Amino acid sequence: MGSKLSCGVSIHEEELEGKKVYVAECAELGISDFGESIDETLNNLKEAINLVLEEAPEKAELLENQEPLLITRLFL
């Protein structure tokens, strides 16, 4: 893959079996992963993305030349 790939990632906390974990989601590919720290979570998601791209290289075009995203929170 010659071009740079990027994806938007959202991270939130959840409780799993009484333990706090972080969940990261990549909306472009519809995948997520989790970990005990943000760094671990992002590394796990990156591994998952790489596995998806190995199995389905055509999905890489979903991650090419993406414009920066703005993620915010709305208070109602």
N, C-alpha and C. Protein backbone atom coordinates (compact mmCIF):
# COMPACT_ATOMS: atom_id res chain seq x y z
N MET A 1 0.84 -1.19 0.00
CA MET A 1 0.00 0.00 0.00
C MET A 1 0.88 1.24 0.00
N GLY A 2 0.92 1.94 -1.10
CA GLY A 2 1.77 3.08 -1.21
C GLY A 2 1.22 4.33 -0.54
N SER A 3 -0.10 4.48 -0.51
CA SER A 3 -0.66 5.68 0.08
C SER A 3 -0.87 5.50 1.57
N LYS A 4 -0.95 6.62 2.26
CA LYS A 4 -1.18 6.57 3.69
C LYS A 4 -2.65 6.29 3.95
N LEU A 5 -2.88 5.46 4.94
CA LEU A 5 -4.24 5.12 5.33
C LEU A 5 -4.52 5.72 6.70
N SER A 6 -5.76 6.11 6.91
CA SER A 6 -6.16 6.62 8.23
C SER A 6 -7.63 6.33 8.43
N CYS A 7 -8.03 6.33 9.69
CA CYS A 7 -9.44 6.13 9.99
C CYS A 7 -9.80 6.92 11.24
N GLY A 8 -11.06 7.26 11.34
CA GLY A 8 -11.56 7.91 12.53
C GLY A 8 -11.75 6.86 13.62
N VAL A 9 -11.34 7.19 14.83
CA VAL A 9 -11.46 6.26 15.95
C VAL A 9 -12.15 6.97 17.10
N SER A 10 -13.16 6.31 17.64
CA SER A 10 -13.78 6.82 18.87
C SER A 10 -13.46 5.84 19.99
N ILE A 11 -13.25 6.39 21.18
CA ILE A 11 -12.89 5.58 22.35
C ILE A 11 -13.84 5.93 23.47
N HIS A 12 -14.33 4.90 24.13
CA HIS A 12 -15.16 5.12 25.31
C HIS A 12 -14.87 4.02 26.34
N GLU A 13 -15.28 4.29 27.58
CA GLU A 13 -15.09 3.32 28.65
C GLU A 13 -16.33 2.44 28.78
N GLU A 14 -16.10 1.19 29.12
CA GLU A 14 -17.18 0.26 29.42
C GLU A 14 -16.75 -0.59 30.61
N GLU A 15 -17.70 -1.28 31.18
CA GLU A 15 -17.39 -2.22 32.24
C GLU A 15 -17.58 -3.62 31.67
N LEU A 16 -16.56 -4.46 31.85
CA LEU A 16 -16.59 -5.83 31.36
C LEU A 16 -16.23 -6.75 32.52
N GLU A 17 -17.18 -7.56 32.93
CA GLU A 17 -16.98 -8.48 34.05
C GLU A 17 -16.46 -7.74 35.28
N GLY A 18 -17.07 -6.59 35.57
CA GLY A 18 -16.71 -5.81 36.74
C GLY A 18 -15.42 -5.03 36.63
N LYS A 19 -14.84 -4.97 35.45
CA LYS A 19 -13.55 -4.30 35.24
C LYS A 19 -13.71 -3.22 34.19
N LYS A 20 -13.07 -2.07 34.40
CA LYS A 20 -13.13 -0.98 33.42
C LYS A 20 -12.21 -1.30 32.25
N VAL A 21 -12.76 -1.18 31.03
CA VAL A 21 -11.98 -1.34 29.81
C VAL A 21 -12.28 -0.17 28.88
N TYR A 22 -11.39 0.05 27.95
CA TYR A 22 -11.58 1.06 26.92
C TYR A 22 -11.94 0.34 25.62
N VAL A 23 -12.90 0.88 24.89
CA VAL A 23 -13.32 0.31 23.62
C VAL A 23 -13.05 1.34 22.53
N ALA A 24 -12.35 0.93 21.49
CA ALA A 24 -12.06 1.80 20.35
C ALA A 24 -12.81 1.25 19.14
N GLU A 25 -13.43 2.16 18.38
CA GLU A 25 -14.20 1.76 17.21
C GLU A 25 -13.72 2.51 15.97
N CYS A 26 -13.60 1.78 14.87
CA CYS A 26 -13.28 2.36 13.57
C CYS A 26 -14.55 2.28 12.73
N ALA A 27 -15.21 3.41 12.54
CA ALA A 27 -16.50 3.44 11.85
C ALA A 27 -16.36 3.07 10.37
N GLU A 28 -15.27 3.47 9.73
CA GLU A 28 -15.10 3.20 8.30
C GLU A 28 -15.13 1.70 7.99
N LEU A 29 -14.57 0.90 8.89
CA LEU A 29 -14.52 -0.54 8.66
C LEU A 29 -15.55 -1.30 9.49
N GLY A 30 -16.18 -0.63 10.43
CA GLY A 30 -17.17 -1.27 11.27
C GLY A 30 -16.58 -2.29 12.24
N ILE A 31 -15.36 -1.99 12.75
CA ILE A 31 -14.74 -2.92 13.69
C ILE A 31 -14.37 -2.19 14.97
N SER A 32 -14.20 -2.96 16.02
CA SER A 32 -13.81 -2.40 17.31
C SER A 32 -12.93 -3.39 18.04
N ASP A 33 -12.25 -2.90 19.06
CA ASP A 33 -11.44 -3.75 19.94
C ASP A 33 -11.35 -3.05 21.28
N PHE A 34 -10.80 -3.74 22.27
CA PHE A 34 -10.75 -3.16 23.61
C PHE A 34 -9.43 -3.50 24.29
N GLY A 35 -9.20 -2.83 25.42
CA GLY A 35 -8.01 -3.08 26.23
C GLY A 35 -8.15 -2.42 27.58
N GLU A 36 -7.17 -2.67 28.45
CA GLU A 36 -7.21 -2.12 29.80
C GLU A 36 -6.70 -0.69 29.87
N SER A 37 -5.95 -0.25 28.86
CA SER A 37 -5.47 1.13 28.79
C SER A 37 -5.78 1.65 27.38
N ILE A 38 -5.71 2.96 27.23
CA ILE A 38 -5.95 3.54 25.91
C ILE A 38 -4.89 3.07 24.91
N ASP A 39 -3.63 3.04 25.34
CA ASP A 39 -2.56 2.59 24.44
C ASP A 39 -2.78 1.14 24.01
N GLU A 40 -3.11 0.27 24.96
CA GLU A 40 -3.36 -1.13 24.62
C GLU A 40 -4.55 -1.25 23.67
N THR A 41 -5.59 -0.47 23.93
CA THR A 41 -6.78 -0.49 23.09
C THR A 41 -6.46 -0.08 21.66
N LEU A 42 -5.72 1.01 21.50
CA LEU A 42 -5.36 1.48 20.17
C LEU A 42 -4.46 0.47 19.45
N ASN A 43 -3.53 -0.14 20.17
CA ASN A 43 -2.67 -1.16 19.56
C ASN A 43 -3.51 -2.36 19.12
N ASN A 44 -4.47 -2.77 19.95
CA ASN A 44 -5.34 -3.90 19.60
C ASN A 44 -6.18 -3.57 18.36
N LEU A 45 -6.70 -2.34 18.30
CA LEU A 45 -7.50 -1.94 17.14
C LEU A 45 -6.64 -1.90 15.88
N LYS A 46 -5.43 -1.40 16.01
CA LYS A 46 -4.52 -1.34 14.85
C LYS A 46 -4.24 -2.75 14.33
N GLU A 47 -4.03 -3.70 15.24
CA GLU A 47 -3.82 -5.10 14.83
C GLU A 47 -5.05 -5.63 14.12
N ALA A 48 -6.24 -5.34 14.66
CA ALA A 48 -7.49 -5.81 14.05
C ALA A 48 -7.65 -5.22 12.65
N ILE A 49 -7.34 -3.94 12.50
CA ILE A 49 -7.44 -3.29 11.18
C ILE A 49 -6.48 -3.95 10.20
N ASN A 50 -5.25 -4.19 10.64
CA ASN A 50 -4.27 -4.84 9.76
C ASN A 50 -4.73 -6.23 9.34
N LEU A 51 -5.35 -6.99 10.25
CA LEU A 51 -5.86 -8.31 9.91
C LEU A 51 -6.98 -8.22 8.88
N VAL A 52 -7.88 -7.24 9.06
CA VAL A 52 -8.96 -7.05 8.09
C VAL A 52 -8.38 -6.72 6.73
N LEU A 53 -7.39 -5.83 6.70
CA LEU A 53 -6.80 -5.43 5.42
C LEU A 53 -6.02 -6.56 4.76
N GLU A 54 -5.44 -7.47 5.56
CA GLU A 54 -4.78 -8.65 4.99
C GLU A 54 -5.79 -9.55 4.31
N GLU A 55 -6.92 -9.76 4.96
CA GLU A 55 -7.95 -10.67 4.44
C GLU A 55 -8.78 -10.03 3.32
N ALA A 56 -8.96 -8.72 3.37
CA ALA A 56 -9.77 -8.02 2.38
C ALA A 56 -9.07 -6.73 1.98
N PRO A 57 -7.99 -6.82 1.18
CA PRO A 57 -7.20 -5.64 0.83
C PRO A 57 -8.00 -4.56 0.11
N GLU A 58 -9.11 -4.93 -0.52
CA GLU A 58 -9.94 -3.93 -1.20
C GLU A 58 -10.55 -2.92 -0.23
N LYS A 59 -10.62 -3.28 1.05
CA LYS A 59 -11.18 -2.36 2.04
C LYS A 59 -10.24 -1.19 2.34
N ALA A 60 -8.99 -1.30 1.90
CA ALA A 60 -8.02 -0.22 2.14
C ALA A 60 -8.50 1.08 1.50
N GLU A 61 -9.23 0.99 0.39
CA GLU A 61 -9.69 2.22 -0.26
C GLU A 61 -10.66 3.00 0.63
N LEU A 62 -11.29 2.34 1.60
CA LEU A 62 -12.15 3.04 2.55
C LEU A 62 -11.34 3.95 3.48
N LEU A 63 -10.04 3.67 3.58
CA LEU A 63 -9.18 4.41 4.51
C LEU A 63 -8.21 5.36 3.81
N GLU A 64 -8.29 5.47 2.49
CA GLU A 64 -7.38 6.34 1.75
C GLU A 64 -7.86 7.79 1.74
N ASN A 65 -6.91 8.69 1.89
CA ASN A 65 -7.16 10.12 1.73
C ASN A 65 -8.38 10.64 2.49
N GLN A 66 -8.52 10.24 3.70
CA GLN A 66 -9.64 10.71 4.51
C GLN A 66 -9.36 12.12 5.02
N GLU A 67 -10.37 12.94 4.98
CA GLU A 67 -10.27 14.27 5.56
C GLU A 67 -10.31 14.15 7.09
N PRO A 68 -9.69 15.07 7.80
CA PRO A 68 -9.76 15.03 9.26
C PRO A 68 -11.20 15.09 9.74
N LEU A 69 -11.48 14.40 10.81
CA LEU A 69 -12.81 14.38 11.39
C LEU A 69 -12.88 15.28 12.60
N LEU A 70 -14.05 15.81 12.85
CA LEU A 70 -14.31 16.53 14.08
C LEU A 70 -15.23 15.66 14.92
N ILE A 71 -14.77 15.29 16.07
CA ILE A 71 -15.60 14.52 17.00
C ILE A 71 -15.85 15.39 18.20
N THR A 72 -17.09 15.52 18.57
CA THR A 72 -17.46 16.38 19.68
C THR A 72 -18.58 15.73 20.48
N ARG A 73 -18.99 16.35 21.52
CA ARG A 73 -20.09 15.88 22.35
C ARG A 73 -21.15 16.97 22.39
N LEU A 74 -22.40 16.58 22.17
CA LEU A 74 -23.52 17.51 22.29
C LEU A 74 -24.18 17.29 23.63
N PHE A 75 -24.42 18.36 24.36
CA PHE A 75 -25.14 18.29 25.63
C PHE A 75 -26.56 18.73 25.40
N LEU A 76 -27.53 17.93 25.77
CA LEU A 76 -28.93 18.21 25.54
C LEU A 76 -29.65 18.48 26.87
